[in-house]
Amino acid sequence: MPTNARTAHPVYTQPMSAPYDIIKTQDVCAQTGRAIEIGEEHIAALIETPEEEALVRVAYSLEAWGKGPNLPPDAALFGFWKRTLPDKDEAPKQLVSPDEMLDLFEQLADATEHRQLAFRYLLALILMRKKVLLYERSTPPQGDTPGVLILRQRVKGGGGPLFEVTDPGLDDETIAQATEEIGQVMNLDEVSA
């Protein structure tokens, strides 16, 4: 059985579709159809639908988001963050700050679906690279019980909160590909696994 080089634990062979393909849409409010203006704060959301294997990134004006997202039938909100639309001439900025990534990571704390668990695990790896989360310990998988990473949020003076992260058993190649794709869609720097 293949092992995860980071943890030396066996890799589960649950298939994962193409690692986190994310379809970017135009910067238009998904609820009102109004174009998002340069410099305008808005909500970027990842939506999962049964018809698409990829996640779809859509935008909502803050006003429309405040009324509740108008999701397509059978769609599920995968995660969201606040962002500001940059000027087209500006060099691409990181779309999601480390604090916003941590918020998205925390939103997925109660996830039970494999795809969401895998996404949360990948966010945890990115946040560890950015030194937002620190590795404390891990427990290996036992039988049907997956392994768990125990991470601590880095805060001044120490003693930040602990987080349990289910290890979905992704192989190293899938981790590298998916982390790179997440980094590209969020314009993150230095996310290579």
N, C-alpha and C. Protein backbone atom coordinates (compact mmCIF):
# COMPACT_ATOMS: atom_id res chain seq x y z
N MET A 1 0.86 -1.18 0.00
CA MET A 1 0.00 0.00 0.00
C MET A 1 0.90 1.23 0.00
N PRO A 2 0.60 2.26 -0.88
CA PRO A 2 1.43 3.47 -0.90
C PRO A 2 1.29 4.24 0.42
N THR A 3 2.33 5.03 0.73
CA THR A 3 2.29 5.82 1.96
C THR A 3 2.44 7.30 1.64
N ASN A 4 1.96 8.13 2.57
CA ASN A 4 2.10 9.58 2.49
C ASN A 4 3.48 9.91 3.03
N ALA A 5 4.35 10.54 2.23
CA ALA A 5 5.72 10.82 2.65
C ALA A 5 5.78 11.75 3.84
N ARG A 6 4.78 12.63 4.01
CA ARG A 6 4.78 13.55 5.14
C ARG A 6 4.55 12.84 6.47
N THR A 7 3.66 11.87 6.46
CA THR A 7 3.27 11.23 7.71
C THR A 7 3.71 9.78 7.81
N ALA A 8 4.16 9.20 6.72
CA ALA A 8 4.53 7.79 6.64
C ALA A 8 3.35 6.88 6.95
N HIS A 9 2.13 7.39 6.82
CA HIS A 9 0.92 6.60 7.05
C HIS A 9 0.42 6.05 5.72
N PRO A 10 -0.29 4.94 5.76
CA PRO A 10 -0.84 4.39 4.52
C PRO A 10 -1.79 5.39 3.87
N VAL A 11 -1.81 5.38 2.55
CA VAL A 11 -2.68 6.25 1.79
C VAL A 11 -3.96 5.49 1.47
N TYR A 12 -5.11 6.09 1.78
CA TYR A 12 -6.38 5.48 1.40
C TYR A 12 -6.51 5.62 -0.10
N THR A 13 -7.19 4.70 -0.70
CA THR A 13 -7.29 4.71 -2.15
C THR A 13 -8.63 5.24 -2.62
N GLN A 14 -9.26 6.12 -1.80
CA GLN A 14 -10.51 6.71 -2.25
C GLN A 14 -10.22 7.59 -3.45
N PRO A 15 -10.91 7.38 -4.55
CA PRO A 15 -10.61 8.18 -5.73
C PRO A 15 -11.08 9.61 -5.53
N MET A 16 -10.35 10.51 -6.13
CA MET A 16 -10.71 11.92 -6.11
C MET A 16 -10.74 12.34 -7.55
N SER A 17 -11.78 13.06 -7.95
CA SER A 17 -11.85 13.51 -9.33
C SER A 17 -10.67 14.43 -9.57
N ALA A 18 -10.56 14.96 -10.75
CA ALA A 18 -9.46 15.85 -11.06
C ALA A 18 -9.24 16.78 -9.87
N PRO A 19 -8.02 16.87 -9.38
CA PRO A 19 -7.79 17.61 -8.15
C PRO A 19 -8.29 19.05 -8.24
N TYR A 20 -9.33 19.32 -7.58
CA TYR A 20 -9.88 20.65 -7.39
C TYR A 20 -9.81 21.56 -8.59
N ASP A 21 -10.42 21.15 -9.67
CA ASP A 21 -10.61 22.06 -10.78
C ASP A 21 -11.60 23.11 -10.28
N ILE A 22 -11.27 24.35 -10.52
CA ILE A 22 -12.14 25.44 -10.08
C ILE A 22 -12.41 26.32 -11.28
N ILE A 23 -13.67 26.47 -11.63
CA ILE A 23 -14.08 27.28 -12.76
C ILE A 23 -14.28 28.71 -12.26
N LYS A 24 -13.55 29.65 -12.83
CA LYS A 24 -13.70 31.05 -12.45
C LYS A 24 -14.76 31.67 -13.34
N THR A 25 -15.66 32.42 -12.75
CA THR A 25 -16.67 33.12 -13.53
C THR A 25 -16.28 34.59 -13.64
N GLN A 26 -17.05 35.34 -14.41
CA GLN A 26 -16.80 36.77 -14.54
C GLN A 26 -17.07 37.47 -13.21
N ASP A 27 -16.53 38.66 -13.05
CA ASP A 27 -16.76 39.43 -11.83
C ASP A 27 -18.10 40.17 -11.93
N VAL A 28 -19.16 39.36 -11.88
CA VAL A 28 -20.53 39.85 -11.95
C VAL A 28 -21.28 39.20 -10.80
N CYS A 29 -22.10 39.98 -10.11
CA CYS A 29 -22.87 39.43 -8.99
C CYS A 29 -23.79 38.32 -9.49
N ALA A 30 -23.65 37.15 -8.90
CA ALA A 30 -24.44 35.98 -9.31
C ALA A 30 -25.92 36.16 -9.00
N GLN A 31 -26.25 37.05 -8.09
CA GLN A 31 -27.65 37.24 -7.71
C GLN A 31 -28.32 38.36 -8.49
N THR A 32 -27.60 39.48 -8.71
CA THR A 32 -28.22 40.64 -9.35
C THR A 32 -27.82 40.82 -10.80
N GLY A 33 -26.69 40.22 -11.22
CA GLY A 33 -26.20 40.40 -12.58
C GLY A 33 -25.41 41.69 -12.76
N ARG A 34 -25.26 42.48 -11.71
CA ARG A 34 -24.52 43.74 -11.78
C ARG A 34 -23.02 43.47 -11.76
N ALA A 35 -22.28 44.18 -12.60
CA ALA A 35 -20.82 44.03 -12.63
C ALA A 35 -20.23 44.52 -11.31
N ILE A 36 -19.27 43.79 -10.81
CA ILE A 36 -18.53 44.20 -9.62
C ILE A 36 -17.51 45.24 -10.09
N GLU A 37 -17.47 46.38 -9.43
CA GLU A 37 -16.58 47.47 -9.83
C GLU A 37 -15.17 47.28 -9.27
N ILE A 38 -14.20 47.82 -9.98
CA ILE A 38 -12.81 47.79 -9.51
C ILE A 38 -12.75 48.48 -8.14
N GLY A 39 -12.09 47.83 -7.19
CA GLY A 39 -11.97 48.37 -5.84
C GLY A 39 -13.13 48.03 -4.93
N GLU A 40 -14.17 47.38 -5.46
CA GLU A 40 -15.36 47.05 -4.66
C GLU A 40 -15.13 45.77 -3.87
N GLU A 41 -15.46 45.83 -2.58
CA GLU A 41 -15.44 44.62 -1.76
C GLU A 41 -16.66 43.78 -2.12
N HIS A 42 -16.46 42.47 -2.19
CA HIS A 42 -17.56 41.57 -2.50
C HIS A 42 -17.22 40.20 -1.93
N ILE A 43 -18.12 39.27 -2.07
CA ILE A 43 -17.91 37.91 -1.58
C ILE A 43 -17.61 37.01 -2.77
N ALA A 44 -16.51 36.26 -2.66
CA ALA A 44 -16.21 35.21 -3.63
C ALA A 44 -16.62 33.90 -2.97
N ALA A 45 -17.37 33.10 -3.68
CA ALA A 45 -17.88 31.85 -3.12
C ALA A 45 -17.54 30.68 -4.04
N LEU A 46 -17.26 29.54 -3.43
CA LEU A 46 -17.07 28.31 -4.18
C LEU A 46 -18.35 27.50 -4.05
N ILE A 47 -18.90 27.10 -5.19
CA ILE A 47 -20.17 26.38 -5.22
C ILE A 47 -19.95 25.01 -5.86
N GLU A 48 -20.58 24.02 -5.28
CA GLU A 48 -20.48 22.64 -5.78
C GLU A 48 -21.86 22.24 -6.30
N THR A 49 -21.89 21.71 -7.53
CA THR A 49 -23.15 21.24 -8.10
C THR A 49 -22.98 19.80 -8.55
N PRO A 50 -24.08 19.04 -8.57
CA PRO A 50 -23.98 17.64 -9.00
C PRO A 50 -23.57 17.51 -10.47
N GLU A 51 -23.87 18.52 -11.29
CA GLU A 51 -23.56 18.44 -12.73
C GLU A 51 -22.08 18.66 -13.01
N GLU A 52 -21.41 19.44 -12.18
CA GLU A 52 -20.01 19.79 -12.40
C GLU A 52 -19.12 19.04 -11.44
N GLU A 53 -18.02 18.46 -11.95
CA GLU A 53 -17.04 17.88 -11.05
C GLU A 53 -16.21 18.98 -10.42
N ALA A 54 -16.06 20.09 -11.14
CA ALA A 54 -15.27 21.21 -10.65
C ALA A 54 -16.11 22.07 -9.71
N LEU A 55 -15.42 22.78 -8.85
CA LEU A 55 -16.09 23.81 -8.04
C LEU A 55 -16.21 25.05 -8.92
N VAL A 56 -17.25 25.84 -8.71
CA VAL A 56 -17.46 27.06 -9.49
C VAL A 56 -17.29 28.24 -8.55
N ARG A 57 -16.40 29.17 -8.93
CA ARG A 57 -16.21 30.37 -8.12
C ARG A 57 -17.10 31.47 -8.68
N VAL A 58 -17.98 32.01 -7.83
CA VAL A 58 -18.88 33.08 -8.24
C VAL A 58 -18.71 34.26 -7.29
N ALA A 59 -19.21 35.41 -7.72
CA ALA A 59 -19.11 36.63 -6.93
C ALA A 59 -20.50 37.10 -6.51
N TYR A 60 -20.57 37.72 -5.34
CA TYR A 60 -21.80 38.34 -4.84
C TYR A 60 -21.45 39.72 -4.30
N SER A 61 -22.26 40.72 -4.63
CA SER A 61 -22.07 42.03 -3.99
C SER A 61 -22.34 41.83 -2.50
N LEU A 62 -21.81 42.70 -1.67
CA LEU A 62 -22.03 42.58 -0.23
C LEU A 62 -23.52 42.70 0.09
N GLU A 63 -24.22 43.59 -0.63
CA GLU A 63 -25.66 43.77 -0.41
C GLU A 63 -26.42 42.48 -0.75
N ALA A 64 -26.12 41.89 -1.89
CA ALA A 64 -26.80 40.65 -2.30
C ALA A 64 -26.47 39.52 -1.32
N TRP A 65 -25.21 39.42 -0.89
CA TRP A 65 -24.81 38.37 0.05
C TRP A 65 -25.56 38.52 1.36
N GLY A 66 -25.77 39.76 1.78
CA GLY A 66 -26.50 40.02 3.02
C GLY A 66 -27.93 39.50 2.98
N LYS A 67 -28.49 39.39 1.79
CA LYS A 67 -29.85 38.86 1.63
C LYS A 67 -29.85 37.33 1.51
N GLY A 68 -28.67 36.76 1.46
CA GLY A 68 -28.55 35.30 1.32
C GLY A 68 -28.22 34.95 -0.11
N PRO A 69 -27.27 34.04 -0.33
CA PRO A 69 -26.90 33.68 -1.70
C PRO A 69 -28.05 32.96 -2.41
N ASN A 70 -28.20 33.27 -3.66
CA ASN A 70 -29.22 32.65 -4.50
C ASN A 70 -28.53 31.54 -5.28
N LEU A 71 -28.44 30.36 -4.68
CA LEU A 71 -27.73 29.25 -5.31
C LEU A 71 -28.62 28.53 -6.32
N PRO A 72 -28.00 27.99 -7.36
CA PRO A 72 -28.77 27.18 -8.31
C PRO A 72 -29.37 25.96 -7.59
N PRO A 73 -30.43 25.37 -8.16
CA PRO A 73 -31.02 24.17 -7.56
C PRO A 73 -29.96 23.07 -7.39
N ASP A 74 -30.01 22.36 -6.28
CA ASP A 74 -29.10 21.26 -5.97
C ASP A 74 -27.65 21.69 -5.77
N ALA A 75 -27.38 22.99 -5.71
CA ALA A 75 -26.02 23.47 -5.48
C ALA A 75 -25.78 23.60 -3.98
N ALA A 76 -24.52 23.44 -3.60
CA ALA A 76 -24.15 23.59 -2.19
C ALA A 76 -23.01 24.60 -2.08
N LEU A 77 -23.07 25.42 -1.07
CA LEU A 77 -22.02 26.39 -0.81
C LEU A 77 -20.84 25.63 -0.20
N PHE A 78 -19.70 25.65 -0.87
CA PHE A 78 -18.52 24.92 -0.42
C PHE A 78 -17.70 25.77 0.55
N GLY A 79 -17.61 27.08 0.28
CA GLY A 79 -16.88 28.02 1.13
C GLY A 79 -16.94 29.39 0.51
N PHE A 80 -16.55 30.42 1.27
CA PHE A 80 -16.59 31.78 0.76
C PHE A 80 -15.59 32.66 1.51
N TRP A 81 -15.25 33.81 0.91
CA TRP A 81 -14.37 34.79 1.54
C TRP A 81 -14.66 36.16 0.94
N LYS A 82 -14.29 37.21 1.66
CA LYS A 82 -14.46 38.58 1.19
C LYS A 82 -13.21 38.97 0.42
N ARG A 83 -13.40 39.66 -0.69
CA ARG A 83 -12.26 40.13 -1.47
C ARG A 83 -12.57 41.47 -2.10
N THR A 84 -11.56 42.12 -2.63
CA THR A 84 -11.70 43.39 -3.34
C THR A 84 -11.25 43.16 -4.78
N LEU A 85 -12.08 43.62 -5.73
CA LEU A 85 -11.74 43.43 -7.14
C LEU A 85 -10.57 44.35 -7.50
N PRO A 86 -9.43 43.77 -7.94
CA PRO A 86 -8.27 44.60 -8.28
C PRO A 86 -8.41 45.24 -9.65
N ASP A 87 -7.65 46.28 -9.87
CA ASP A 87 -7.56 46.94 -11.17
C ASP A 87 -6.91 45.95 -12.13
N LYS A 88 -7.40 45.88 -13.35
CA LYS A 88 -6.88 44.92 -14.34
C LYS A 88 -5.38 45.13 -14.61
N ASP A 89 -4.88 46.39 -14.45
CA ASP A 89 -3.48 46.68 -14.72
C ASP A 89 -2.56 46.33 -13.55
N GLU A 90 -3.14 46.09 -12.38
CA GLU A 90 -2.35 45.74 -11.21
C GLU A 90 -1.82 44.32 -11.36
N ALA A 91 -0.66 44.11 -10.78
CA ALA A 91 -0.15 42.73 -10.72
C ALA A 91 -1.12 41.94 -9.84
N PRO A 92 -1.40 40.68 -10.19
CA PRO A 92 -2.34 39.90 -9.39
C PRO A 92 -1.90 39.84 -7.93
N LYS A 93 -2.83 40.14 -7.04
CA LYS A 93 -2.57 40.07 -5.62
C LYS A 93 -3.14 38.77 -5.09
N GLN A 94 -2.68 38.41 -3.92
CA GLN A 94 -3.24 37.24 -3.25
C GLN A 94 -4.71 37.55 -2.99
N LEU A 95 -5.61 36.70 -3.49
CA LEU A 95 -7.04 36.95 -3.35
C LEU A 95 -7.53 36.69 -1.93
N VAL A 96 -6.83 35.81 -1.26
CA VAL A 96 -7.28 35.40 0.07
C VAL A 96 -6.11 35.58 1.02
N SER A 97 -6.30 36.41 2.04
CA SER A 97 -5.25 36.61 3.03
C SER A 97 -5.15 35.36 3.91
N PRO A 98 -4.06 35.21 4.64
CA PRO A 98 -3.97 34.07 5.55
C PRO A 98 -5.13 34.04 6.56
N ASP A 99 -5.58 35.19 7.03
CA ASP A 99 -6.72 35.23 7.96
C ASP A 99 -7.99 34.74 7.28
N GLU A 100 -8.19 35.11 6.01
CA GLU A 100 -9.37 34.65 5.27
C GLU A 100 -9.29 33.15 4.99
N MET A 101 -8.08 32.66 4.71
CA MET A 101 -7.92 31.22 4.52
C MET A 101 -8.22 30.47 5.81
N LEU A 102 -7.78 31.03 6.94
CA LEU A 102 -8.06 30.41 8.23
C LEU A 102 -9.57 30.38 8.48
N ASP A 103 -10.26 31.45 8.10
CA ASP A 103 -11.72 31.49 8.25
C ASP A 103 -12.37 30.40 7.41
N LEU A 104 -11.93 30.25 6.16
CA LEU A 104 -12.46 29.20 5.28
C LEU A 104 -12.15 27.82 5.87
N PHE A 105 -10.95 27.64 6.39
CA PHE A 105 -10.54 26.39 7.05
C PHE A 105 -11.48 26.08 8.22
N GLU A 106 -11.78 27.10 9.04
CA GLU A 106 -12.66 26.89 10.20
C GLU A 106 -14.10 26.60 9.76
N GLN A 107 -14.55 27.21 8.65
CA GLN A 107 -15.90 26.94 8.14
C GLN A 107 -16.08 25.46 7.81
N LEU A 108 -15.01 24.82 7.40
CA LEU A 108 -15.08 23.42 6.99
C LEU A 108 -14.84 22.45 8.16
N ALA A 109 -14.82 22.96 9.39
CA ALA A 109 -14.52 22.12 10.56
C ALA A 109 -15.50 20.97 10.72
N ASP A 110 -16.76 21.15 10.36
CA ASP A 110 -17.77 20.11 10.53
C ASP A 110 -18.01 19.30 9.26
N ALA A 111 -17.13 19.46 8.29
CA ALA A 111 -17.30 18.75 7.01
C ALA A 111 -17.25 17.24 7.23
N THR A 112 -18.08 16.54 6.46
CA THR A 112 -18.08 15.07 6.53
C THR A 112 -17.85 14.44 5.16
N GLU A 113 -18.07 15.18 4.08
CA GLU A 113 -17.88 14.65 2.74
C GLU A 113 -16.39 14.61 2.41
N HIS A 114 -15.96 13.56 1.71
CA HIS A 114 -14.54 13.37 1.39
C HIS A 114 -13.95 14.60 0.70
N ARG A 115 -14.67 15.16 -0.25
CA ARG A 115 -14.15 16.31 -1.01
C ARG A 115 -13.88 17.50 -0.10
N GLN A 116 -14.78 17.77 0.84
CA GLN A 116 -14.60 18.88 1.76
C GLN A 116 -13.48 18.58 2.76
N LEU A 117 -13.40 17.33 3.23
CA LEU A 117 -12.32 16.95 4.14
C LEU A 117 -10.96 17.13 3.45
N ALA A 118 -10.89 16.74 2.19
CA ALA A 118 -9.65 16.87 1.43
C ALA A 118 -9.30 18.34 1.23
N PHE A 119 -10.28 19.17 0.93
CA PHE A 119 -10.04 20.60 0.74
C PHE A 119 -9.54 21.23 2.04
N ARG A 120 -10.15 20.86 3.16
CA ARG A 120 -9.74 21.40 4.47
C ARG A 120 -8.31 20.95 4.79
N TYR A 121 -7.99 19.71 4.49
CA TYR A 121 -6.65 19.19 4.71
C TYR A 121 -5.63 19.99 3.89
N LEU A 122 -5.96 20.25 2.64
CA LEU A 122 -5.05 21.02 1.78
C LEU A 122 -4.89 22.44 2.29
N LEU A 123 -5.99 23.06 2.74
CA LEU A 123 -5.89 24.40 3.33
C LEU A 123 -4.99 24.36 4.56
N ALA A 124 -5.10 23.31 5.36
CA ALA A 124 -4.25 23.17 6.55
C ALA A 124 -2.77 23.12 6.14
N LEU A 125 -2.45 22.38 5.08
CA LEU A 125 -1.07 22.31 4.61
C LEU A 125 -0.57 23.68 4.16
N ILE A 126 -1.42 24.41 3.44
CA ILE A 126 -1.04 25.76 2.99
C ILE A 126 -0.84 26.67 4.20
N LEU A 127 -1.76 26.60 5.18
CA LEU A 127 -1.64 27.44 6.37
C LEU A 127 -0.42 27.07 7.22
N MET A 128 -0.02 25.81 7.19
CA MET A 128 1.21 25.41 7.88
C MET A 128 2.41 26.02 7.17
N ARG A 129 2.40 26.01 5.84
CA ARG A 129 3.49 26.60 5.06
C ARG A 129 3.62 28.09 5.32
N LYS A 130 2.49 28.73 5.52
CA LYS A 130 2.47 30.17 5.80
C LYS A 130 2.66 30.47 7.28
N LYS A 131 2.87 29.42 8.08
CA LYS A 131 3.12 29.53 9.51
C LYS A 131 1.96 30.14 10.29
N VAL A 132 0.74 29.96 9.77
CA VAL A 132 -0.46 30.37 10.49
C VAL A 132 -0.85 29.25 11.45
N LEU A 133 -0.68 27.99 10.99
CA LEU A 133 -0.93 26.81 11.82
C LEU A 133 0.40 26.10 12.05
N LEU A 134 0.55 25.56 13.25
CA LEU A 134 1.76 24.84 13.61
C LEU A 134 1.43 23.39 13.91
N TYR A 135 2.28 22.49 13.47
CA TYR A 135 2.09 21.06 13.71
C TYR A 135 2.34 20.75 15.18
N GLU A 136 1.40 20.05 15.81
CA GLU A 136 1.56 19.61 17.20
C GLU A 136 1.85 18.11 17.24
N ARG A 137 0.98 17.33 16.61
CA ARG A 137 1.14 15.88 16.60
C ARG A 137 0.15 15.29 15.59
N SER A 138 0.25 13.99 15.39
CA SER A 138 -0.70 13.31 14.52
C SER A 138 -0.97 11.92 15.08
N THR A 139 -2.11 11.39 14.69
CA THR A 139 -2.43 10.00 15.03
C THR A 139 -2.59 9.25 13.71
N PRO A 140 -1.99 8.08 13.61
CA PRO A 140 -2.07 7.33 12.36
C PRO A 140 -3.46 6.71 12.17
N PRO A 141 -3.80 6.39 10.93
CA PRO A 141 -5.08 5.71 10.70
C PRO A 141 -5.04 4.32 11.33
N GLN A 142 -6.21 3.88 11.80
CA GLN A 142 -6.34 2.54 12.39
C GLN A 142 -7.61 1.91 11.85
N GLY A 143 -7.45 0.86 11.07
CA GLY A 143 -8.60 0.21 10.46
C GLY A 143 -9.34 1.18 9.55
N ASP A 144 -10.64 1.38 9.83
CA ASP A 144 -11.45 2.30 9.02
C ASP A 144 -11.38 3.74 9.53
N THR A 145 -10.67 3.96 10.63
CA THR A 145 -10.57 5.30 11.20
C THR A 145 -9.39 6.03 10.57
N PRO A 146 -9.66 7.20 9.95
CA PRO A 146 -8.57 7.93 9.29
C PRO A 146 -7.61 8.55 10.31
N GLY A 147 -6.43 8.90 9.83
CA GLY A 147 -5.46 9.61 10.66
C GLY A 147 -5.93 11.03 10.92
N VAL A 148 -5.36 11.63 11.93
CA VAL A 148 -5.74 13.00 12.31
C VAL A 148 -4.49 13.81 12.59
N LEU A 149 -4.44 15.01 12.04
CA LEU A 149 -3.40 15.97 12.37
C LEU A 149 -3.93 16.87 13.48
N ILE A 150 -3.10 17.18 14.45
CA ILE A 150 -3.45 18.14 15.48
C ILE A 150 -2.57 19.35 15.22
N LEU A 151 -3.20 20.48 14.94
CA LEU A 151 -2.49 21.71 14.61
C LEU A 151 -2.89 22.80 15.60
N ARG A 152 -1.98 23.72 15.83
CA ARG A 152 -2.26 24.84 16.73
C ARG A 152 -2.13 26.14 15.94
N GLN A 153 -3.07 27.04 16.16
CA GLN A 153 -2.99 28.35 15.53
C GLN A 153 -1.86 29.14 16.17
N ARG A 154 -1.02 29.71 15.36
CA ARG A 154 0.10 30.51 15.86
C ARG A 154 -0.43 31.86 16.31
N VAL A 155 -0.22 32.19 17.56
CA VAL A 155 -0.60 33.50 18.10
C VAL A 155 0.55 34.02 18.96
N LYS A 156 0.62 35.34 19.09
CA LYS A 156 1.65 35.94 19.93
C LYS A 156 1.50 35.43 21.35
N GLY A 157 2.59 35.08 21.97
CA GLY A 157 2.56 34.58 23.33
C GLY A 157 2.25 33.09 23.42
N GLY A 158 1.95 32.44 22.30
CA GLY A 158 1.65 31.00 22.27
C GLY A 158 0.25 30.70 22.79
N GLY A 159 -0.05 29.42 22.89
CA GLY A 159 -1.34 29.00 23.43
C GLY A 159 -2.52 29.19 22.51
N GLY A 160 -2.29 29.23 21.20
CA GLY A 160 -3.41 29.36 20.27
C GLY A 160 -4.30 28.14 20.29
N PRO A 161 -5.51 28.24 19.72
CA PRO A 161 -6.44 27.10 19.73
C PRO A 161 -5.92 25.93 18.90
N LEU A 162 -6.32 24.73 19.31
CA LEU A 162 -5.98 23.51 18.59
C LEU A 162 -7.06 23.17 17.58
N PHE A 163 -6.65 22.57 16.48
CA PHE A 163 -7.58 22.11 15.45
C PHE A 163 -7.26 20.66 15.12
N GLU A 164 -8.29 19.85 14.98
CA GLU A 164 -8.13 18.49 14.48
C GLU A 164 -8.45 18.50 13.00
N VAL A 165 -7.57 17.90 12.21
CA VAL A 165 -7.76 17.86 10.76
C VAL A 165 -7.69 16.40 10.32
N THR A 166 -8.77 15.91 9.76
CA THR A 166 -8.80 14.54 9.25
C THR A 166 -7.88 14.42 8.06
N ASP A 167 -7.03 13.44 8.08
CA ASP A 167 -6.15 13.14 6.94
C ASP A 167 -6.96 12.28 5.98
N PRO A 168 -7.33 12.84 4.81
CA PRO A 168 -8.16 12.08 3.87
C PRO A 168 -7.39 11.01 3.11
N GLY A 169 -6.10 10.86 3.37
CA GLY A 169 -5.33 9.80 2.73
C GLY A 169 -4.98 10.08 1.28
N LEU A 170 -4.77 11.33 0.93
CA LEU A 170 -4.39 11.68 -0.44
C LEU A 170 -2.94 11.30 -0.66
N ASP A 171 -2.63 10.86 -1.88
CA ASP A 171 -1.23 10.56 -2.17
C ASP A 171 -0.48 11.88 -2.44
N ASP A 172 0.84 11.82 -2.42
CA ASP A 172 1.66 13.02 -2.55
C ASP A 172 1.42 13.75 -3.87
N GLU A 173 1.24 13.01 -4.96
CA GLU A 173 1.01 13.64 -6.26
C GLU A 173 -0.30 14.43 -6.26
N THR A 174 -1.36 13.86 -5.69
CA THR A 174 -2.64 14.55 -5.62
C THR A 174 -2.52 15.79 -4.74
N ILE A 175 -1.81 15.68 -3.63
CA ILE A 175 -1.61 16.84 -2.75
C ILE A 175 -0.89 17.95 -3.50
N ALA A 176 0.17 17.61 -4.21
CA ALA A 176 0.93 18.62 -4.95
C ALA A 176 0.08 19.29 -6.02
N GLN A 177 -0.66 18.50 -6.81
CA GLN A 177 -1.49 19.06 -7.87
C GLN A 177 -2.60 19.94 -7.31
N ALA A 178 -3.29 19.43 -6.30
CA ALA A 178 -4.43 20.17 -5.74
C ALA A 178 -3.98 21.43 -5.04
N THR A 179 -2.87 21.38 -4.31
CA THR A 179 -2.36 22.56 -3.63
C THR A 179 -1.98 23.63 -4.65
N GLU A 180 -1.37 23.21 -5.75
CA GLU A 180 -1.00 24.16 -6.80
C GLU A 180 -2.25 24.80 -7.41
N GLU A 181 -3.28 23.99 -7.68
CA GLU A 181 -4.51 24.53 -8.26
C GLU A 181 -5.22 25.49 -7.31
N ILE A 182 -5.25 25.15 -6.04
CA ILE A 182 -5.86 26.06 -5.06
C ILE A 182 -5.06 27.36 -5.03
N GLY A 183 -3.75 27.24 -5.04
CA GLY A 183 -2.89 28.43 -5.04
C GLY A 183 -3.13 29.30 -6.26
N GLN A 184 -3.33 28.69 -7.43
CA GLN A 184 -3.57 29.46 -8.64
C GLN A 184 -4.91 30.19 -8.59
N VAL A 185 -5.95 29.51 -8.15
CA VAL A 185 -7.27 30.14 -8.15
C VAL A 185 -7.37 31.24 -7.10
N MET A 186 -6.59 31.12 -6.02
CA MET A 186 -6.62 32.14 -4.98
C MET A 186 -5.44 33.10 -5.08
N ASN A 187 -4.65 32.97 -6.16
CA ASN A 187 -3.45 33.79 -6.37
C ASN A 187 -2.54 33.78 -5.16
N LEU A 188 -2.32 32.60 -4.60
CA LEU A 188 -1.44 32.48 -3.45
C LEU A 188 -0.01 32.39 -3.94
N ASP A 189 0.90 32.86 -3.12
CA ASP A 189 2.31 32.72 -3.47
C ASP A 189 2.90 31.59 -2.63
N GLU A 190 3.91 30.94 -3.16
CA GLU A 190 4.66 29.91 -2.44
C GLU A 190 3.77 28.83 -1.82
N VAL A 191 2.94 28.17 -2.62
CA VAL A 191 2.11 27.10 -2.08
C VAL A 191 2.55 25.72 -2.53
N SER A 192 3.63 25.64 -3.26
CA SER A 192 4.06 24.33 -3.74
C SER A 192 4.24 23.37 -2.59
N ALA A 193 3.78 22.13 -2.78
CA ALA A 193 3.91 21.13 -1.74
C ALA A 193 5.29 20.55 -1.71
